[in-house]
N, C-alpha and C. Protein backbone atom coordinates (compact mmCIF):
# COMPACT_ATOMS: atom_id res chain seq x y z
N MET A 1 -62.14 28.33 18.92
CA MET A 1 -62.95 29.01 19.91
C MET A 1 -64.42 29.07 19.51
N ARG A 2 -64.65 28.92 18.21
CA ARG A 2 -66.06 28.94 17.76
C ARG A 2 -66.86 27.82 18.40
N TRP A 3 -66.21 26.69 18.70
CA TRP A 3 -66.92 25.57 19.32
C TRP A 3 -67.27 25.89 20.77
N LEU A 4 -66.40 26.64 21.43
CA LEU A 4 -66.67 27.09 22.79
C LEU A 4 -67.91 27.99 22.79
N GLU A 5 -67.93 28.93 21.86
CA GLU A 5 -69.09 29.83 21.75
C GLU A 5 -70.35 29.07 21.41
N LEU A 6 -70.22 28.10 20.53
CA LEU A 6 -71.39 27.34 20.10
C LEU A 6 -72.05 26.64 21.29
N LEU A 7 -71.23 26.02 22.12
CA LEU A 7 -71.78 25.36 23.30
C LEU A 7 -72.33 26.38 24.29
N ALA A 8 -71.57 27.45 24.55
CA ALA A 8 -72.03 28.46 25.52
C ALA A 8 -73.34 29.09 25.07
N SER A 9 -73.48 29.36 23.76
CA SER A 9 -74.72 29.97 23.27
C SER A 9 -75.89 29.00 23.42
N GLY A 10 -75.65 27.71 23.17
CA GLY A 10 -76.71 26.71 23.36
C GLY A 10 -77.11 26.58 24.82
N LEU A 11 -76.11 26.58 25.70
CA LEU A 11 -76.41 26.52 27.14
C LEU A 11 -77.19 27.74 27.61
N PHE A 12 -76.80 28.92 27.09
CA PHE A 12 -77.52 30.14 27.44
C PHE A 12 -78.97 30.06 26.96
N ALA A 13 -79.15 29.58 25.72
CA ALA A 13 -80.51 29.45 25.17
C ALA A 13 -81.36 28.53 26.03
N TYR A 14 -80.77 27.43 26.49
CA TYR A 14 -81.53 26.51 27.34
C TYR A 14 -81.81 27.11 28.70
N GLN A 15 -80.83 27.82 29.25
CA GLN A 15 -80.99 28.44 30.57
C GLN A 15 -82.12 29.47 30.54
N VAL A 16 -82.21 30.22 29.46
CA VAL A 16 -83.21 31.29 29.36
C VAL A 16 -84.59 30.75 29.02
N THR A 17 -84.66 29.74 28.13
CA THR A 17 -85.96 29.30 27.61
C THR A 17 -86.39 27.91 28.06
N GLU A 18 -85.43 27.07 28.46
CA GLU A 18 -85.68 25.65 28.74
C GLU A 18 -86.34 24.97 27.54
N SER A 19 -85.98 25.42 26.35
CA SER A 19 -86.56 24.89 25.11
C SER A 19 -85.46 24.27 24.26
N ALA A 20 -85.64 23.00 23.91
CA ALA A 20 -84.69 22.33 23.02
C ALA A 20 -84.71 22.98 21.64
N PHE A 21 -85.89 23.46 21.22
CA PHE A 21 -85.98 24.12 19.92
C PHE A 21 -85.15 25.40 19.90
N ALA A 22 -85.17 26.17 20.97
CA ALA A 22 -84.38 27.40 21.04
C ALA A 22 -82.89 27.08 20.94
N VAL A 23 -82.47 26.02 21.62
CA VAL A 23 -81.06 25.60 21.55
C VAL A 23 -80.71 25.24 20.11
N ALA A 24 -81.55 24.45 19.46
CA ALA A 24 -81.29 24.03 18.08
C ALA A 24 -81.27 25.24 17.14
N ALA A 25 -82.17 26.19 17.35
CA ALA A 25 -82.22 27.37 16.48
C ALA A 25 -80.97 28.23 16.62
N VAL A 26 -80.50 28.40 17.85
CA VAL A 26 -79.30 29.21 18.09
C VAL A 26 -78.07 28.55 17.46
N VAL A 27 -77.97 27.23 17.60
CA VAL A 27 -76.84 26.51 17.02
C VAL A 27 -76.94 26.51 15.49
N ALA A 28 -78.15 26.34 14.96
CA ALA A 28 -78.34 26.35 13.51
C ALA A 28 -77.99 27.71 12.92
N ALA A 29 -78.24 28.77 13.67
CA ALA A 29 -77.90 30.11 13.18
C ALA A 29 -76.40 30.24 12.93
N ARG A 30 -75.60 29.50 13.68
CA ARG A 30 -74.14 29.53 13.49
C ARG A 30 -73.71 28.69 12.29
N GLN A 31 -74.42 27.60 12.03
CA GLN A 31 -74.03 26.66 10.97
C GLN A 31 -74.64 26.99 9.61
N LEU A 32 -75.80 27.62 9.59
CA LEU A 32 -76.52 27.90 8.35
C LEU A 32 -75.69 28.69 7.32
N PRO A 33 -74.91 29.68 7.71
CA PRO A 33 -74.13 30.42 6.71
C PRO A 33 -73.14 29.56 5.93
N GLN A 34 -72.65 28.46 6.52
CA GLN A 34 -71.77 27.55 5.78
C GLN A 34 -72.49 27.03 4.54
N LEU A 35 -73.74 26.65 4.71
CA LEU A 35 -74.54 26.14 3.61
C LEU A 35 -74.88 27.24 2.61
N LEU A 36 -75.27 28.41 3.12
CA LEU A 36 -75.72 29.49 2.26
C LEU A 36 -74.60 30.20 1.51
N PHE A 37 -73.47 30.40 2.18
CA PHE A 37 -72.43 31.28 1.63
C PHE A 37 -71.09 30.61 1.38
N GLY A 38 -70.94 29.33 1.72
CA GLY A 38 -69.64 28.68 1.62
C GLY A 38 -69.04 28.71 0.23
N ALA A 39 -69.83 28.37 -0.79
CA ALA A 39 -69.31 28.35 -2.16
C ALA A 39 -68.95 29.75 -2.64
N LEU A 40 -69.79 30.72 -2.32
CA LEU A 40 -69.50 32.10 -2.72
C LEU A 40 -68.24 32.61 -2.00
N ALA A 41 -68.10 32.25 -0.74
CA ALA A 41 -66.91 32.67 0.01
C ALA A 41 -65.64 32.12 -0.63
N GLY A 42 -65.70 30.87 -1.10
CA GLY A 42 -64.54 30.29 -1.78
C GLY A 42 -64.19 31.03 -3.05
N ALA A 43 -65.21 31.44 -3.81
CA ALA A 43 -64.96 32.20 -5.05
C ALA A 43 -64.37 33.57 -4.74
N ILE A 44 -64.86 34.20 -3.69
CA ILE A 44 -64.33 35.52 -3.30
C ILE A 44 -62.88 35.38 -2.85
N ALA A 45 -62.57 34.29 -2.16
CA ALA A 45 -61.20 34.08 -1.68
C ALA A 45 -60.20 33.92 -2.82
N GLU A 46 -60.69 33.57 -4.00
CA GLU A 46 -59.81 33.47 -5.16
C GLU A 46 -59.46 34.84 -5.72
N ALA A 47 -60.31 35.84 -5.48
CA ALA A 47 -60.13 37.14 -6.12
C ALA A 47 -59.68 38.24 -5.17
N VAL A 48 -59.83 38.03 -3.87
CA VAL A 48 -59.53 39.08 -2.89
C VAL A 48 -58.33 38.62 -2.06
N ASN A 49 -57.62 39.56 -1.49
CA ASN A 49 -56.47 39.24 -0.66
C ASN A 49 -56.91 38.35 0.50
N ARG A 50 -56.39 37.13 0.52
CA ARG A 50 -56.83 36.14 1.51
C ARG A 50 -56.41 36.51 2.93
N ARG A 51 -55.26 37.15 3.07
CA ARG A 51 -54.86 37.59 4.41
C ARG A 51 -55.87 38.58 4.97
N THR A 52 -56.35 39.50 4.13
CA THR A 52 -57.35 40.47 4.55
C THR A 52 -58.65 39.78 4.95
N ILE A 53 -59.08 38.81 4.14
CA ILE A 53 -60.30 38.06 4.47
C ILE A 53 -60.14 37.37 5.82
N LEU A 54 -58.99 36.73 6.01
CA LEU A 54 -58.76 36.01 7.26
C LEU A 54 -58.72 36.95 8.46
N LEU A 55 -58.08 38.10 8.29
CA LEU A 55 -58.04 39.07 9.39
C LEU A 55 -59.44 39.57 9.74
N VAL A 56 -60.24 39.90 8.72
CA VAL A 56 -61.61 40.35 8.97
C VAL A 56 -62.41 39.24 9.66
N ALA A 57 -62.19 37.98 9.21
CA ALA A 57 -62.92 36.84 9.77
C ALA A 57 -62.46 36.49 11.18
N LEU A 58 -61.39 37.09 11.65
CA LEU A 58 -60.96 36.92 13.04
C LEU A 58 -61.29 38.15 13.89
N ILE A 59 -61.08 39.33 13.34
CA ILE A 59 -61.27 40.56 14.11
C ILE A 59 -62.75 40.84 14.37
N LEU A 60 -63.59 40.71 13.34
CA LEU A 60 -65.02 40.99 13.55
C LEU A 60 -65.66 40.02 14.55
N PRO A 61 -65.42 38.71 14.46
CA PRO A 61 -65.96 37.83 15.51
C PRO A 61 -65.42 38.15 16.90
N ALA A 62 -64.16 38.59 16.98
CA ALA A 62 -63.62 39.00 18.29
C ALA A 62 -64.41 40.18 18.83
N ALA A 63 -64.72 41.14 17.96
CA ALA A 63 -65.51 42.30 18.38
C ALA A 63 -66.93 41.89 18.77
N ILE A 64 -67.51 40.98 17.99
CA ILE A 64 -68.86 40.50 18.30
C ILE A 64 -68.87 39.76 19.65
N SER A 65 -67.85 38.91 19.86
CA SER A 65 -67.76 38.18 21.13
C SER A 65 -67.58 39.13 22.31
N ALA A 66 -66.76 40.16 22.12
CA ALA A 66 -66.56 41.15 23.18
C ALA A 66 -67.87 41.88 23.48
N THR A 67 -68.64 42.18 22.44
CA THR A 67 -69.94 42.84 22.63
C THR A 67 -70.90 41.95 23.42
N ILE A 68 -70.94 40.66 23.06
CA ILE A 68 -71.79 39.71 23.78
C ILE A 68 -71.36 39.62 25.25
N ALA A 69 -70.05 39.62 25.48
CA ALA A 69 -69.53 39.57 26.86
C ALA A 69 -69.98 40.79 27.65
N VAL A 70 -69.91 41.96 27.03
CA VAL A 70 -70.35 43.20 27.71
C VAL A 70 -71.85 43.14 28.00
N LEU A 71 -72.63 42.68 27.03
CA LEU A 71 -74.08 42.56 27.25
C LEU A 71 -74.37 41.57 28.39
N ALA A 72 -73.58 40.49 28.46
CA ALA A 72 -73.78 39.52 29.54
C ALA A 72 -73.42 40.11 30.90
N VAL A 73 -72.33 40.88 30.96
CA VAL A 73 -71.91 41.50 32.23
C VAL A 73 -72.96 42.49 32.72
N THR A 74 -73.53 43.24 31.78
CA THR A 74 -74.53 44.25 32.15
C THR A 74 -75.93 43.66 32.29
N GLU A 75 -76.02 42.34 32.13
CA GLU A 75 -77.30 41.62 32.22
C GLU A 75 -78.34 42.13 31.23
N ALA A 76 -77.86 42.59 30.07
CA ALA A 76 -78.75 43.05 29.01
C ALA A 76 -78.83 42.05 27.86
N LEU A 77 -78.17 40.91 27.99
CA LEU A 77 -78.09 39.93 26.91
C LEU A 77 -79.43 39.23 26.71
N GLN A 78 -79.85 39.18 25.44
CA GLN A 78 -81.10 38.52 25.08
C GLN A 78 -80.82 37.45 24.04
N LEU A 79 -81.72 36.51 23.92
CA LEU A 79 -81.51 35.38 23.03
C LEU A 79 -81.39 35.80 21.58
N TRP A 80 -82.17 36.78 21.15
CA TRP A 80 -82.09 37.20 19.75
C TRP A 80 -80.71 37.77 19.43
N GLN A 81 -80.06 38.38 20.42
CA GLN A 81 -78.72 38.91 20.20
C GLN A 81 -77.72 37.79 19.99
N ILE A 82 -77.89 36.72 20.74
CA ILE A 82 -77.03 35.55 20.56
C ILE A 82 -77.26 34.94 19.18
N ALA A 83 -78.51 34.79 18.77
CA ALA A 83 -78.81 34.21 17.46
C ALA A 83 -78.23 35.07 16.34
N LEU A 84 -78.38 36.38 16.46
CA LEU A 84 -77.82 37.29 15.45
C LEU A 84 -76.29 37.23 15.43
N ALA A 85 -75.68 37.19 16.61
CA ALA A 85 -74.22 37.08 16.70
C ALA A 85 -73.76 35.76 16.10
N ASN A 86 -74.48 34.68 16.37
CA ASN A 86 -74.12 33.38 15.80
C ASN A 86 -74.20 33.40 14.29
N PHE A 87 -75.24 34.03 13.73
CA PHE A 87 -75.38 34.09 12.28
C PHE A 87 -74.24 34.92 11.67
N ALA A 88 -73.96 36.06 12.28
CA ALA A 88 -72.88 36.92 11.77
C ALA A 88 -71.54 36.21 11.85
N CYS A 89 -71.25 35.59 12.98
CA CYS A 89 -69.98 34.87 13.13
C CYS A 89 -69.93 33.65 12.23
N GLY A 90 -71.06 33.00 12.02
CA GLY A 90 -71.11 31.86 11.10
C GLY A 90 -70.83 32.28 9.67
N THR A 91 -71.31 33.46 9.29
CA THR A 91 -71.03 33.99 7.95
C THR A 91 -69.53 34.25 7.79
N LEU A 92 -68.94 34.84 8.81
CA LEU A 92 -67.49 35.08 8.76
C LEU A 92 -66.72 33.77 8.82
N TRP A 93 -67.23 32.80 9.54
CA TRP A 93 -66.61 31.48 9.62
C TRP A 93 -66.58 30.83 8.23
N ALA A 94 -67.68 30.98 7.47
CA ALA A 94 -67.73 30.40 6.13
C ALA A 94 -66.61 30.97 5.25
N SER A 95 -66.37 32.27 5.37
CA SER A 95 -65.31 32.87 4.57
C SER A 95 -63.93 32.50 5.12
N GLU A 96 -63.81 32.39 6.42
CA GLU A 96 -62.52 32.06 7.04
C GLU A 96 -62.09 30.64 6.69
N MET A 97 -63.03 29.71 6.68
CA MET A 97 -62.66 28.31 6.45
C MET A 97 -62.09 28.11 5.04
N SER A 98 -62.79 28.59 4.03
CA SER A 98 -62.31 28.41 2.67
C SER A 98 -61.01 29.16 2.44
N THR A 99 -60.88 30.31 3.03
CA THR A 99 -59.67 31.12 2.88
C THR A 99 -58.49 30.47 3.58
N ARG A 100 -58.69 30.04 4.80
CA ARG A 100 -57.60 29.45 5.59
C ARG A 100 -57.08 28.18 4.95
N ARG A 101 -57.97 27.33 4.48
CA ARG A 101 -57.54 26.08 3.87
C ARG A 101 -56.69 26.36 2.62
N ARG A 102 -57.09 27.34 1.85
CA ARG A 102 -56.30 27.69 0.65
C ARG A 102 -54.94 28.26 1.07
N MET A 103 -54.93 29.10 2.07
CA MET A 103 -53.67 29.70 2.54
C MET A 103 -52.72 28.65 3.12
N VAL A 104 -53.26 27.66 3.79
CA VAL A 104 -52.42 26.60 4.37
C VAL A 104 -51.64 25.92 3.26
N GLY A 105 -52.34 25.54 2.19
CA GLY A 105 -51.68 24.88 1.07
C GLY A 105 -50.66 25.76 0.39
N GLU A 106 -51.00 27.02 0.18
CA GLU A 106 -50.08 27.94 -0.50
C GLU A 106 -48.86 28.26 0.37
N SER A 107 -49.07 28.42 1.66
CA SER A 107 -47.96 28.76 2.56
C SER A 107 -46.98 27.60 2.71
N ALA A 108 -47.51 26.39 2.75
CA ALA A 108 -46.66 25.22 2.96
C ALA A 108 -45.83 24.88 1.73
N GLY A 109 -46.37 25.14 0.56
CA GLY A 109 -45.68 24.75 -0.66
C GLY A 109 -46.09 23.35 -1.07
N ALA A 110 -45.85 23.03 -2.35
CA ALA A 110 -46.30 21.76 -2.91
C ALA A 110 -45.70 20.55 -2.20
N ASP A 111 -44.46 20.65 -1.75
CA ASP A 111 -43.80 19.50 -1.14
C ASP A 111 -44.27 19.21 0.28
N ARG A 112 -44.91 20.18 0.94
CA ARG A 112 -45.36 19.98 2.32
C ARG A 112 -46.86 20.16 2.49
N VAL A 113 -47.60 20.24 1.40
CA VAL A 113 -49.04 20.53 1.50
C VAL A 113 -49.78 19.42 2.25
N GLY A 114 -49.39 18.17 2.06
CA GLY A 114 -50.06 17.07 2.75
C GLY A 114 -49.93 17.18 4.26
N GLN A 115 -48.72 17.47 4.73
CA GLN A 115 -48.49 17.62 6.16
C GLN A 115 -49.22 18.85 6.71
N ALA A 116 -49.23 19.92 5.92
CA ALA A 116 -49.88 21.15 6.39
C ALA A 116 -51.39 20.96 6.53
N ILE A 117 -52.02 20.32 5.55
CA ILE A 117 -53.46 20.07 5.61
C ILE A 117 -53.76 19.09 6.75
N ALA A 118 -52.88 18.10 6.95
CA ALA A 118 -53.08 17.16 8.06
C ALA A 118 -53.01 17.88 9.40
N LEU A 119 -52.05 18.79 9.55
CA LEU A 119 -51.95 19.57 10.79
C LEU A 119 -53.18 20.44 10.99
N ASP A 120 -53.64 21.09 9.92
CA ASP A 120 -54.83 21.93 10.00
C ASP A 120 -56.04 21.09 10.41
N SER A 121 -56.19 19.92 9.82
CA SER A 121 -57.32 19.04 10.17
C SER A 121 -57.23 18.55 11.61
N THR A 122 -56.00 18.23 12.04
CA THR A 122 -55.81 17.76 13.41
C THR A 122 -56.14 18.86 14.42
N THR A 123 -55.65 20.07 14.17
CA THR A 123 -55.95 21.16 15.10
C THR A 123 -57.44 21.49 15.08
N SER A 124 -58.06 21.39 13.91
CA SER A 124 -59.50 21.63 13.82
C SER A 124 -60.27 20.60 14.65
N ALA A 125 -59.89 19.33 14.51
CA ALA A 125 -60.55 18.28 15.30
C ALA A 125 -60.28 18.47 16.79
N GLY A 126 -59.07 18.89 17.13
CA GLY A 126 -58.72 19.13 18.53
C GLY A 126 -59.55 20.24 19.14
N THR A 127 -59.75 21.30 18.38
CA THR A 127 -60.57 22.40 18.92
C THR A 127 -62.04 22.00 18.99
N ARG A 128 -62.48 21.12 18.08
CA ARG A 128 -63.84 20.61 18.16
C ARG A 128 -64.04 19.79 19.42
N LEU A 129 -62.97 19.16 19.87
CA LEU A 129 -63.03 18.37 21.11
C LEU A 129 -62.90 19.27 22.33
N ALA A 130 -61.90 20.13 22.33
CA ALA A 130 -61.61 20.96 23.51
C ALA A 130 -62.59 22.12 23.67
N GLY A 131 -63.06 22.68 22.55
CA GLY A 131 -63.93 23.85 22.61
C GLY A 131 -65.19 23.66 23.44
N PRO A 132 -65.99 22.62 23.15
CA PRO A 132 -67.19 22.41 23.97
C PRO A 132 -66.87 22.13 25.45
N LEU A 133 -65.78 21.41 25.70
CA LEU A 133 -65.39 21.15 27.08
C LEU A 133 -65.04 22.46 27.79
N LEU A 134 -64.20 23.27 27.13
CA LEU A 134 -63.85 24.56 27.72
C LEU A 134 -65.07 25.48 27.83
N GLY A 135 -65.94 25.41 26.82
CA GLY A 135 -67.16 26.22 26.87
C GLY A 135 -68.04 25.86 28.05
N GLY A 136 -68.20 24.56 28.28
CA GLY A 136 -69.00 24.12 29.42
C GLY A 136 -68.39 24.54 30.74
N ILE A 137 -67.07 24.39 30.85
CA ILE A 137 -66.39 24.79 32.08
C ILE A 137 -66.50 26.30 32.29
N ALA A 138 -66.20 27.07 31.23
CA ALA A 138 -66.26 28.53 31.35
C ALA A 138 -67.67 29.00 31.68
N PHE A 139 -68.68 28.39 31.03
CA PHE A 139 -70.07 28.78 31.28
C PHE A 139 -70.48 28.43 32.71
N GLU A 140 -70.11 27.23 33.15
CA GLU A 140 -70.49 26.77 34.48
C GLU A 140 -69.80 27.56 35.59
N TRP A 141 -68.50 27.76 35.46
CA TRP A 141 -67.74 28.38 36.55
C TRP A 141 -67.69 29.89 36.46
N LEU A 142 -67.64 30.42 35.25
CA LEU A 142 -67.39 31.86 35.09
C LEU A 142 -68.54 32.62 34.46
N GLY A 143 -69.48 31.92 33.84
CA GLY A 143 -70.62 32.58 33.24
C GLY A 143 -70.42 32.91 31.77
N MET A 144 -71.48 33.38 31.18
CA MET A 144 -71.51 33.68 29.74
C MET A 144 -70.47 34.73 29.36
N ALA A 145 -70.31 35.74 30.16
CA ALA A 145 -69.38 36.82 29.83
C ALA A 145 -67.96 36.31 29.71
N SER A 146 -67.55 35.44 30.60
CA SER A 146 -66.18 34.92 30.56
C SER A 146 -65.96 34.02 29.36
N ALA A 147 -66.96 33.21 29.00
CA ALA A 147 -66.83 32.34 27.83
C ALA A 147 -66.59 33.19 26.58
N TYR A 148 -67.34 34.25 26.44
CA TYR A 148 -67.20 35.09 25.25
C TYR A 148 -65.96 35.99 25.33
N THR A 149 -65.55 36.36 26.52
CA THR A 149 -64.30 37.13 26.66
C THR A 149 -63.12 36.27 26.24
N LEU A 150 -63.13 35.01 26.64
CA LEU A 150 -62.05 34.09 26.25
C LEU A 150 -61.98 33.94 24.74
N THR A 151 -63.12 33.76 24.09
CA THR A 151 -63.09 33.61 22.63
C THR A 151 -62.63 34.89 21.94
N ALA A 152 -63.05 36.03 22.44
CA ALA A 152 -62.60 37.30 21.85
C ALA A 152 -61.09 37.44 21.95
N ALA A 153 -60.54 37.07 23.10
CA ALA A 153 -59.09 37.18 23.29
C ALA A 153 -58.33 36.24 22.36
N VAL A 154 -58.80 35.01 22.24
CA VAL A 154 -58.10 34.05 21.38
C VAL A 154 -58.19 34.47 19.92
N GLN A 155 -59.35 34.95 19.49
CA GLN A 155 -59.49 35.41 18.11
C GLN A 155 -58.57 36.60 17.83
N ALA A 156 -58.45 37.49 18.78
CA ALA A 156 -57.55 38.64 18.60
C ALA A 156 -56.10 38.17 18.51
N LEU A 157 -55.71 37.19 19.33
CA LEU A 157 -54.35 36.64 19.25
C LEU A 157 -54.11 35.95 17.90
N CYS A 158 -55.10 35.27 17.39
CA CYS A 158 -54.97 34.63 16.07
C CYS A 158 -54.79 35.68 14.98
N ALA A 159 -55.50 36.81 15.09
CA ALA A 159 -55.34 37.89 14.12
C ALA A 159 -53.91 38.42 14.14
N VAL A 160 -53.34 38.56 15.32
CA VAL A 160 -51.94 39.01 15.43
C VAL A 160 -51.02 38.00 14.75
N ALA A 161 -51.28 36.71 14.95
CA ALA A 161 -50.46 35.67 14.32
C ALA A 161 -50.56 35.75 12.80
N VAL A 162 -51.74 36.01 12.27
CA VAL A 162 -51.91 36.13 10.82
C VAL A 162 -51.12 37.32 10.28
N LEU A 163 -51.06 38.39 11.05
CA LEU A 163 -50.29 39.57 10.62
C LEU A 163 -48.81 39.25 10.45
N THR A 164 -48.31 38.30 11.22
CA THR A 164 -46.88 37.96 11.15
C THR A 164 -46.58 36.91 10.08
N LEU A 165 -47.61 36.37 9.45
CA LEU A 165 -47.43 35.30 8.47
C LEU A 165 -46.85 35.84 7.17
N ALA A 166 -45.76 35.24 6.71
CA ALA A 166 -45.18 35.59 5.41
C ALA A 166 -46.01 34.86 4.35
N TYR A 167 -46.73 35.61 3.53
CA TYR A 167 -47.68 34.99 2.62
C TYR A 167 -47.84 35.83 1.36
N ARG A 168 -47.78 35.15 0.21
CA ARG A 168 -48.08 35.78 -1.08
C ARG A 168 -49.11 34.93 -1.79
N GLN A 169 -49.94 35.57 -2.57
CA GLN A 169 -50.97 34.82 -3.27
C GLN A 169 -51.10 35.29 -4.71
N ARG A 170 -51.62 34.39 -5.51
CA ARG A 170 -52.04 34.73 -6.87
C ARG A 170 -53.56 34.80 -6.85
N THR A 171 -54.11 35.87 -7.38
CA THR A 171 -55.57 36.00 -7.39
C THR A 171 -56.11 35.76 -8.79
N ALA A 172 -57.37 35.43 -8.85
CA ALA A 172 -58.09 35.25 -10.12
C ALA A 172 -59.37 36.07 -10.04
N PRO A 173 -59.81 36.63 -11.15
CA PRO A 173 -61.04 37.44 -11.10
C PRO A 173 -62.26 36.56 -10.78
N ILE A 174 -63.24 37.16 -10.12
CA ILE A 174 -64.48 36.45 -9.82
C ILE A 174 -65.32 36.39 -11.09
N ALA A 175 -65.74 35.18 -11.46
CA ALA A 175 -66.62 35.00 -12.62
C ALA A 175 -67.98 34.57 -12.07
N LEU A 176 -68.81 35.55 -11.72
CA LEU A 176 -70.11 35.25 -11.10
C LEU A 176 -70.99 34.40 -12.01
N ALA A 177 -70.93 34.64 -13.30
CA ALA A 177 -71.76 33.86 -14.23
C ALA A 177 -71.33 32.39 -14.23
N GLN A 178 -70.07 32.13 -13.96
CA GLN A 178 -69.55 30.76 -13.97
C GLN A 178 -69.70 30.07 -12.61
N LEU A 179 -70.02 30.83 -11.59
CA LEU A 179 -70.09 30.29 -10.23
C LEU A 179 -71.05 29.10 -10.10
N PRO A 180 -72.28 29.14 -10.64
CA PRO A 180 -73.17 27.97 -10.52
C PRO A 180 -72.56 26.71 -11.15
N ARG A 181 -71.89 26.88 -12.29
CA ARG A 181 -71.26 25.73 -12.93
C ARG A 181 -70.12 25.18 -12.07
N ASP A 182 -69.32 26.09 -11.49
CA ASP A 182 -68.23 25.66 -10.62
C ASP A 182 -68.74 24.90 -9.40
N ILE A 183 -69.85 25.38 -8.82
CA ILE A 183 -70.44 24.70 -7.67
C ILE A 183 -70.94 23.32 -8.08
N ALA A 184 -71.60 23.23 -9.24
CA ALA A 184 -72.10 21.94 -9.73
C ALA A 184 -70.94 20.97 -9.97
N GLU A 185 -69.84 21.46 -10.53
CA GLU A 185 -68.66 20.60 -10.74
C GLU A 185 -68.09 20.13 -9.41
N GLY A 186 -68.04 21.01 -8.43
CA GLY A 186 -67.54 20.62 -7.11
C GLY A 186 -68.42 19.56 -6.46
N LEU A 187 -69.74 19.72 -6.57
CA LEU A 187 -70.65 18.73 -6.02
C LEU A 187 -70.52 17.39 -6.74
N ALA A 188 -70.38 17.44 -8.07
CA ALA A 188 -70.21 16.21 -8.84
C ALA A 188 -68.92 15.51 -8.44
N PHE A 189 -67.86 16.27 -8.24
CA PHE A 189 -66.58 15.69 -7.82
C PHE A 189 -66.72 15.05 -6.44
N ALA A 190 -67.40 15.74 -5.53
CA ALA A 190 -67.57 15.23 -4.17
C ALA A 190 -68.34 13.91 -4.17
N ARG A 191 -69.33 13.78 -5.06
CA ARG A 191 -70.10 12.54 -5.14
C ARG A 191 -69.27 11.35 -5.64
N THR A 192 -68.23 11.62 -6.40
CA THR A 192 -67.40 10.54 -6.95
C THR A 192 -66.35 10.05 -5.97
N GLN A 193 -66.16 10.76 -4.86
CA GLN A 193 -65.13 10.39 -3.91
C GLN A 193 -65.60 9.22 -3.06
N PRO A 194 -64.67 8.29 -2.74
CA PRO A 194 -65.06 7.08 -1.99
C PRO A 194 -65.70 7.34 -0.64
N ASP A 195 -65.28 8.42 0.06
CA ASP A 195 -65.83 8.66 1.38
C ASP A 195 -67.02 9.60 1.38
N ALA A 196 -67.55 9.91 0.20
CA ALA A 196 -68.71 10.81 0.11
C ALA A 196 -69.93 10.12 0.71
N ALA A 197 -70.73 10.89 1.43
CA ALA A 197 -71.92 10.32 2.08
C ALA A 197 -73.05 10.16 1.10
């Protein structure tokens, strides 16, 4: 649903400002936290209950989306609110992505981890395809409020699904002093991979 919001927020930015820069800034506000906080989010996911992180990363964006929908219905919605909401949801997205990927592998078990990651990647690609299409349709036919109401509802349903998930984890303490070295090792590993850009 984040892709639906991403398109709807960009369309709203263009509708309000007719500025390509405003559209780019609003979309960048959603993506920037991945760059800024992604590695730290992964380290936190090793030390904190991942189910809790995932629930927070679903419930808070649902609340933010519902707030944006209310602001849109009352015609009080402004572009800075969308940019702030995108940054906040992008920050939660950074924590959700690293946490979810780890949980997928742990939940599936060693013998099914390949299939589980493949399914996660397929559904992620599918939502990347369907989200903007649904966002455009919802924005065009129903308006900004409906687009954000839909995402809030889906995120809330996903939170309910996470609550029903049978999941146990092993945690490790956060070693903040070691974090820069771990990030450097991850980047070095990524550069050695054949499909690295």
